[in-house]
């Protein structure tokens, strides 16, 4: 792969789905995409770039690229302290201020589904929403991982930190030794394919109380991060929460959110409209 080919393919991928690679990742990109060049019986990465631009199956090829270039590494009950803040502090707060008895939570970049199912399990376990309308939406750009999520059958590393209590309460044994999500959890979660840069499709998503997007924006360059976070800001209700991965922050991306210190973790919150208005008035007076 020449540098010209690298930049052409890198920029195409970045423009389509936000994944970004520095020139230092040229070897990684070349290594992971070489098999695609070979399988399509192309002679060079230049021809592969042309294939990505003009072939009738270019959309499917982009899906394959996303699968190849992202790790999709996830598991149930990931990041314990953040989930404890979610269950013990954020959820009780929502029950106090929501009058419509509806809670909507978006797991953006949900991969194979462990995160949205974890969210649904914690909602059930809290017993705070027994008479509420509960909607957990899991989205990902990859159809392959969404197929796994919809089946809801898991094994091995997906359970690396999960106590037996959860396995007994929310799973049943299925084929090939896998554990499957039970209907009580599954009926609270819906999945859909979504590119986090697609503002038109995101406009169709209802307003959210909480958005989880953990270990996803690490794959994006700064401009793509700004676009994605802006989309999240528009979709959150006033006072809603944005939960990122522990290695991620909004530094140099936006100042629209406030960092809230909870007992168990720090999370980002969209300011309440009244608080924002008061702040604006105060700034105007000063």
Protein backbone atom coordinates (compact mmCIF):
# COMPACT_ATOMS: atom_id res chain seq x y z
CA UNK A 1 0.00 0.00 0.00
CA UNK A 2 1.51 3.30 -1.09
CA UNK A 3 0.99 6.47 0.92
CA UNK A 4 -1.32 7.79 -1.81
CA UNK A 5 -3.43 4.61 -1.56
CA UNK A 6 -3.39 4.81 2.25
CA UNK A 7 -4.68 8.41 2.32
CA UNK A 8 -7.33 7.70 -0.32
CA UNK A 9 -8.73 4.67 1.54
CA UNK A 10 -8.26 6.25 4.98
CA UNK A 11 -10.17 9.38 3.96
CA UNK A 12 -12.94 7.34 2.33
CA UNK A 13 -13.46 5.29 5.51
CA UNK A 14 -13.31 8.41 7.68
CA UNK A 15 -15.91 10.19 5.55
CA UNK A 16 -18.26 7.22 5.54
CA UNK A 17 -18.23 6.11 9.16
CA UNK A 18 -15.82 8.28 11.15
CA UNK A 19 -13.09 5.71 11.77
CA UNK A 20 -9.74 7.49 11.57
CA UNK A 21 -6.19 6.23 11.11
CA UNK A 22 -2.91 8.14 11.40
CA UNK A 23 -0.14 7.41 8.92
CA UNK A 24 1.49 5.38 11.72
CA UNK A 25 -1.39 2.89 11.30
CA UNK A 26 -0.66 2.36 7.59
CA UNK A 27 0.77 -1.10 8.23
CA UNK A 28 -2.28 -2.11 10.28
CA UNK A 29 -4.67 -0.90 7.58
CA UNK A 30 -2.67 -2.65 4.87
CA UNK A 31 -2.50 -5.90 6.83
CA UNK A 32 -6.21 -6.01 7.68
CA UNK A 33 -7.48 -5.03 4.22
CA UNK A 34 -5.08 -7.17 2.17
CA UNK A 35 -7.43 -10.14 2.41
CA UNK A 36 -10.29 -8.07 0.97
CA UNK A 37 -8.11 -7.05 -1.99
CA UNK A 38 -7.22 -10.70 -2.53
CA UNK A 39 -10.79 -12.00 -2.16
CA UNK A 40 -12.05 -9.53 -4.75
CA UNK A 41 -9.17 -10.59 -7.04
CA UNK A 42 -7.95 -7.03 -7.36
CA UNK A 43 -4.39 -6.13 -8.28
CA UNK A 44 -3.78 -3.21 -5.95
CA UNK A 45 -5.20 -1.03 -3.19
CA UNK A 46 -5.80 1.58 -5.90
CA UNK A 47 -8.26 -0.82 -7.52
CA UNK A 48 -9.75 -1.55 -4.10
CA UNK A 49 -10.33 2.18 -3.54
CA UNK A 50 -12.13 2.30 -6.89
CA UNK A 51 -14.21 -0.71 -5.80
CA UNK A 52 -15.19 1.11 -2.58
CA UNK A 53 -16.28 4.15 -4.55
CA UNK A 54 -18.22 2.62 -7.41
CA UNK A 55 -19.05 -1.08 -7.04
CA UNK A 56 -22.73 -2.02 -6.65
CA UNK A 57 -21.83 -3.86 -3.43
CA UNK A 58 -19.86 -0.94 -1.94
CA UNK A 59 -22.25 -0.58 1.03
CA UNK A 60 -21.77 -4.22 2.02
CA UNK A 61 -18.00 -3.85 1.60
CA UNK A 62 -18.03 -0.88 3.98
CA UNK A 63 -19.77 -3.11 6.55
CA UNK A 64 -17.01 -5.70 6.12
CA UNK A 65 -14.35 -3.02 6.60
CA UNK A 66 -15.95 -1.82 9.84
CA UNK A 67 -15.99 -5.40 11.16
CA UNK A 68 -12.35 -5.90 10.23
CA UNK A 69 -11.04 -2.62 11.64
CA UNK A 70 -12.89 -2.48 14.96
CA UNK A 71 -12.44 -4.87 17.85
CA UNK A 72 -16.07 -5.05 19.08
CA UNK A 73 -14.62 -6.01 22.45
CA UNK A 74 -17.29 -5.91 25.14
CA UNK A 75 -18.81 -7.89 28.01
CA UNK A 76 -21.65 -7.79 30.52
CA UNK A 77 -21.42 -5.39 33.50
CA UNK A 78 -18.41 -3.61 32.01
CA UNK A 79 -17.03 -0.70 34.09
CA UNK A 80 -18.48 -1.52 37.48
CA UNK A 81 -18.23 1.92 39.13
CA UNK A 82 -20.00 3.68 36.30
CA UNK A 83 -22.81 1.14 36.32
CA UNK A 84 -23.11 1.52 40.10
CA UNK A 85 -23.53 5.28 39.61
CA UNK A 86 -26.09 4.57 36.91
CA UNK A 87 -28.12 2.18 39.08
CA UNK A 88 -27.80 3.76 42.53
CA UNK A 89 -27.70 7.48 41.69
CA UNK A 90 -28.87 8.35 38.16
CA UNK A 91 -31.90 6.05 37.98
CA UNK A 92 -33.38 7.14 41.35
CA UNK A 93 -32.90 10.77 40.27
CA UNK A 94 -34.85 10.15 37.07
CA UNK A 95 -37.76 8.61 38.95
CA UNK A 96 -37.99 11.83 40.97
CA UNK A 97 -38.14 14.22 38.02
CA UNK A 98 -39.89 12.27 35.25
CA UNK A 99 -43.64 12.74 35.34
CA UNK A 100 -44.51 10.79 32.21
CA UNK A 101 -43.23 7.47 33.65
CA UNK A 102 -41.19 6.82 30.50
CA UNK A 103 -37.46 6.15 30.42
CA UNK A 104 -35.44 5.94 27.21
CA UNK A 105 -31.80 4.87 27.12
CA UNK A 106 -29.60 4.64 24.02
CA UNK A 107 -26.60 2.32 23.86
CA UNK A 108 -24.69 3.83 20.90
CA UNK A 109 -22.10 1.53 19.33
CA UNK A 110 -23.55 -1.42 21.21
CA UNK A 111 -21.53 -4.09 19.37
CA UNK A 112 -22.84 -7.60 20.16
CA UNK A 113 -25.42 -6.37 22.68
CA UNK A 114 -23.90 -6.98 26.10
CA UNK A 115 -24.23 -3.29 27.05
CA UNK A 116 -27.94 -2.71 26.26
CA UNK A 117 -28.83 -6.03 27.86
CA UNK A 118 -26.82 -5.05 30.95
CA UNK A 119 -28.76 -1.76 31.08
CA UNK A 120 -32.08 -3.62 30.88
CA UNK A 121 -31.02 -6.06 33.63
CA UNK A 122 -30.08 -3.19 35.95
CA UNK A 123 -33.38 -1.42 35.26
CA UNK A 124 -35.27 -4.59 36.21
CA UNK A 125 -33.08 -5.23 39.23
CA UNK A 126 -33.66 -1.68 40.53
CA UNK A 127 -37.45 -2.31 40.68
CA UNK A 128 -37.93 1.43 40.11
CA UNK A 129 -39.66 1.12 36.76
CA UNK A 130 -42.21 -1.68 37.18
CA UNK A 131 -45.09 0.48 35.94
CA UNK A 132 -43.06 2.55 33.51
CA UNK A 133 -42.60 2.46 29.76
CA UNK A 134 -38.99 1.32 29.38
CA UNK A 135 -37.12 1.60 26.07
CA UNK A 136 -33.49 0.57 25.64
CA UNK A 137 -32.18 1.12 22.10
CA UNK A 138 -28.96 -0.52 20.95
CA UNK A 139 -27.38 0.75 17.73
CA UNK A 140 -24.28 -0.15 15.78
CA UNK A 141 -22.96 0.42 12.26
CA UNK A 142 -22.23 -3.30 11.79
CA UNK A 143 -25.04 -5.64 10.76
CA UNK A 144 -22.90 -8.64 11.76
CA UNK A 145 -22.66 -7.67 15.42
CA UNK A 146 -26.33 -6.65 15.48
CA UNK A 147 -27.29 -10.15 14.32
CA UNK A 148 -25.40 -11.56 17.31
CA UNK A 149 -27.11 -9.05 19.60
CA UNK A 150 -30.58 -9.93 18.36
CA UNK A 151 -29.96 -13.66 18.88
CA UNK A 152 -28.87 -12.89 22.46
CA UNK A 153 -26.75 -16.02 22.95
CA UNK A 154 -23.40 -15.65 24.73
CA UNK A 155 -20.49 -17.67 26.08
CA UNK A 156 -17.01 -17.34 27.51
CA UNK A 157 -15.52 -13.86 27.85
CA UNK A 158 -18.90 -12.09 27.73
CA UNK A 159 -19.38 -13.29 31.33
CA UNK A 160 -15.89 -12.52 32.63
CA UNK A 161 -17.11 -10.30 35.51
CA UNK A 162 -20.73 -11.40 35.83
CA UNK A 163 -21.77 -12.97 39.17
CA UNK A 164 -23.80 -16.18 38.99
CA UNK A 165 -26.80 -14.30 40.36
CA UNK A 166 -27.28 -12.52 37.04
CA UNK A 167 -26.81 -15.71 35.01
CA UNK A 168 -29.46 -17.49 37.09
CA UNK A 169 -31.86 -14.53 37.03
CA UNK A 170 -31.67 -13.32 33.44
CA UNK A 171 -30.43 -16.21 31.23
CA UNK A 172 -31.39 -19.72 30.18
CA UNK A 173 -29.22 -22.48 28.78
CA UNK A 174 -29.41 -22.98 25.02
CA UNK A 175 -27.61 -24.74 22.22
CA UNK A 176 -23.83 -25.28 22.13
CA UNK A 177 -23.50 -24.47 25.81
CA UNK A 178 -24.47 -20.85 25.34
CA UNK A 179 -26.54 -18.81 27.74
CA UNK A 180 -29.42 -16.87 26.18
CA UNK A 181 -31.04 -13.66 27.39
CA UNK A 182 -34.51 -14.36 28.77
CA UNK A 183 -37.64 -12.67 27.44
CA UNK A 184 -38.05 -10.34 30.43
CA UNK A 185 -34.81 -8.59 29.44
CA UNK A 186 -35.08 -9.04 25.69
CA UNK A 187 -38.48 -7.38 25.38
CA UNK A 188 -37.07 -4.13 26.77
CA UNK A 189 -34.32 -3.85 24.13
CA UNK A 190 -34.52 -3.06 20.41
CA UNK A 191 -31.61 -2.97 17.98
CA UNK A 192 -31.00 -1.01 14.81
CA UNK A 193 -28.20 -0.22 12.39
CA UNK A 194 -27.05 3.37 12.71
CA UNK A 195 -24.08 5.42 11.57
CA UNK A 196 -23.37 7.95 14.34
CA UNK A 197 -22.57 10.56 11.64
CA UNK A 198 -25.96 10.17 9.98
CA UNK A 199 -27.78 13.18 11.43
CA UNK A 200 -30.93 12.54 9.37
CA UNK A 201 -31.45 9.07 10.83
CA UNK A 202 -30.50 10.23 14.30
CA UNK A 203 -33.23 12.88 14.01
CA UNK A 204 -35.73 9.99 13.91
CA UNK A 205 -34.60 8.72 17.33
CA UNK A 206 -36.79 9.98 20.20
CA UNK A 207 -35.38 12.17 22.96
CA UNK A 208 -33.21 10.16 25.37
CA UNK A 209 -32.79 10.34 29.14
CA UNK A 210 -29.39 8.65 29.09
CA UNK A 211 -26.91 7.85 26.31
CA UNK A 212 -24.18 5.26 26.76
CA UNK A 213 -21.36 5.54 24.19
CA UNK A 214 -18.41 3.75 25.73
CA UNK A 215 -15.12 3.02 23.98
CA UNK A 216 -16.46 4.14 20.61
CA UNK A 217 -15.23 7.70 20.00
CA UNK A 218 -11.64 6.52 20.57
CA UNK A 219 -11.76 5.41 16.92
CA UNK A 220 -12.67 8.92 15.66
CA UNK A 221 -10.63 12.02 14.80
CA UNK A 222 -11.41 15.27 16.61
CA UNK A 223 -13.82 16.66 14.00
CA UNK A 224 -15.79 13.42 13.89
CA UNK A 225 -15.93 13.34 17.70
CA UNK A 226 -17.40 16.86 17.67
CA UNK A 227 -20.11 15.86 15.18
CA UNK A 228 -21.05 12.71 17.12
CA UNK A 229 -21.15 14.46 20.49
CA UNK A 230 -23.25 17.27 19.00
CA UNK A 231 -25.73 14.65 17.79
CA UNK A 232 -25.85 13.19 21.31
CA UNK A 233 -26.42 16.65 22.80
CA UNK A 234 -29.40 17.23 20.49
CA UNK A 235 -30.92 13.87 21.40
CA UNK A 236 -30.60 14.18 25.17
CA UNK A 237 -33.33 15.66 27.29
CA UNK A 238 -32.42 18.60 29.51
CA UNK A 239 -30.60 17.17 32.52
CA UNK A 240 -29.93 13.93 30.63
CA UNK A 241 -26.71 12.00 31.06
CA UNK A 242 -23.94 11.01 28.63
CA UNK A 243 -21.82 8.08 29.82
CA UNK A 244 -18.51 7.61 27.98
CA UNK A 245 -15.78 5.03 28.50
CA UNK A 246 -13.30 5.72 31.29
CA UNK A 247 -10.52 6.40 28.79
CA UNK A 248 -12.63 8.98 26.98
CA UNK A 249 -13.45 12.62 27.76
CA UNK A 250 -14.99 15.71 26.17
CA UNK A 251 -11.82 17.75 26.61
CA UNK A 252 -11.18 19.80 23.42
CA UNK A 253 -14.49 18.52 22.00
CA UNK A 254 -17.24 20.58 23.65
CA UNK A 255 -18.07 22.61 26.74
CA UNK A 256 -21.82 22.08 26.33
CA UNK A 257 -21.95 19.35 28.97
CA UNK A 258 -21.11 19.72 32.65
CA UNK A 259 -19.00 17.12 34.43
CA UNK A 260 -21.01 15.89 37.41
CA UNK A 261 -19.29 14.29 40.39
CA UNK A 262 -21.42 11.46 41.73
CA UNK A 263 -20.48 9.28 44.71
CA UNK A 264 -19.47 6.37 42.51
CA UNK A 265 -18.19 8.03 39.34
CA UNK A 266 -17.98 11.19 37.25
CA UNK A 267 -20.43 11.54 34.35
CA UNK A 268 -21.40 14.16 31.79
CA UNK A 269 -24.78 15.86 32.08
CA UNK A 270 -26.63 18.13 29.68
CA UNK A 271 -27.51 21.25 31.70
CA UNK A 272 -31.09 21.76 32.75
CA UNK A 273 -32.74 24.42 30.61
CA UNK A 274 -33.52 26.62 33.62
CA UNK A 275 -29.94 26.41 34.87
CA UNK A 276 -28.63 27.26 31.39
CA UNK A 277 -31.05 30.21 31.13
CA UNK A 278 -30.03 31.51 34.56
CA UNK A 279 -26.38 31.22 33.55
CA UNK A 280 -27.04 33.07 30.31
CA UNK A 281 -28.89 35.86 32.09
CA UNK A 282 -26.13 36.14 34.66
CA UNK A 283 -23.52 36.39 31.89
CA UNK A 284 -25.59 39.09 30.16
CA UNK A 285 -25.90 41.13 33.36
CA UNK A 286 -22.21 40.80 34.14
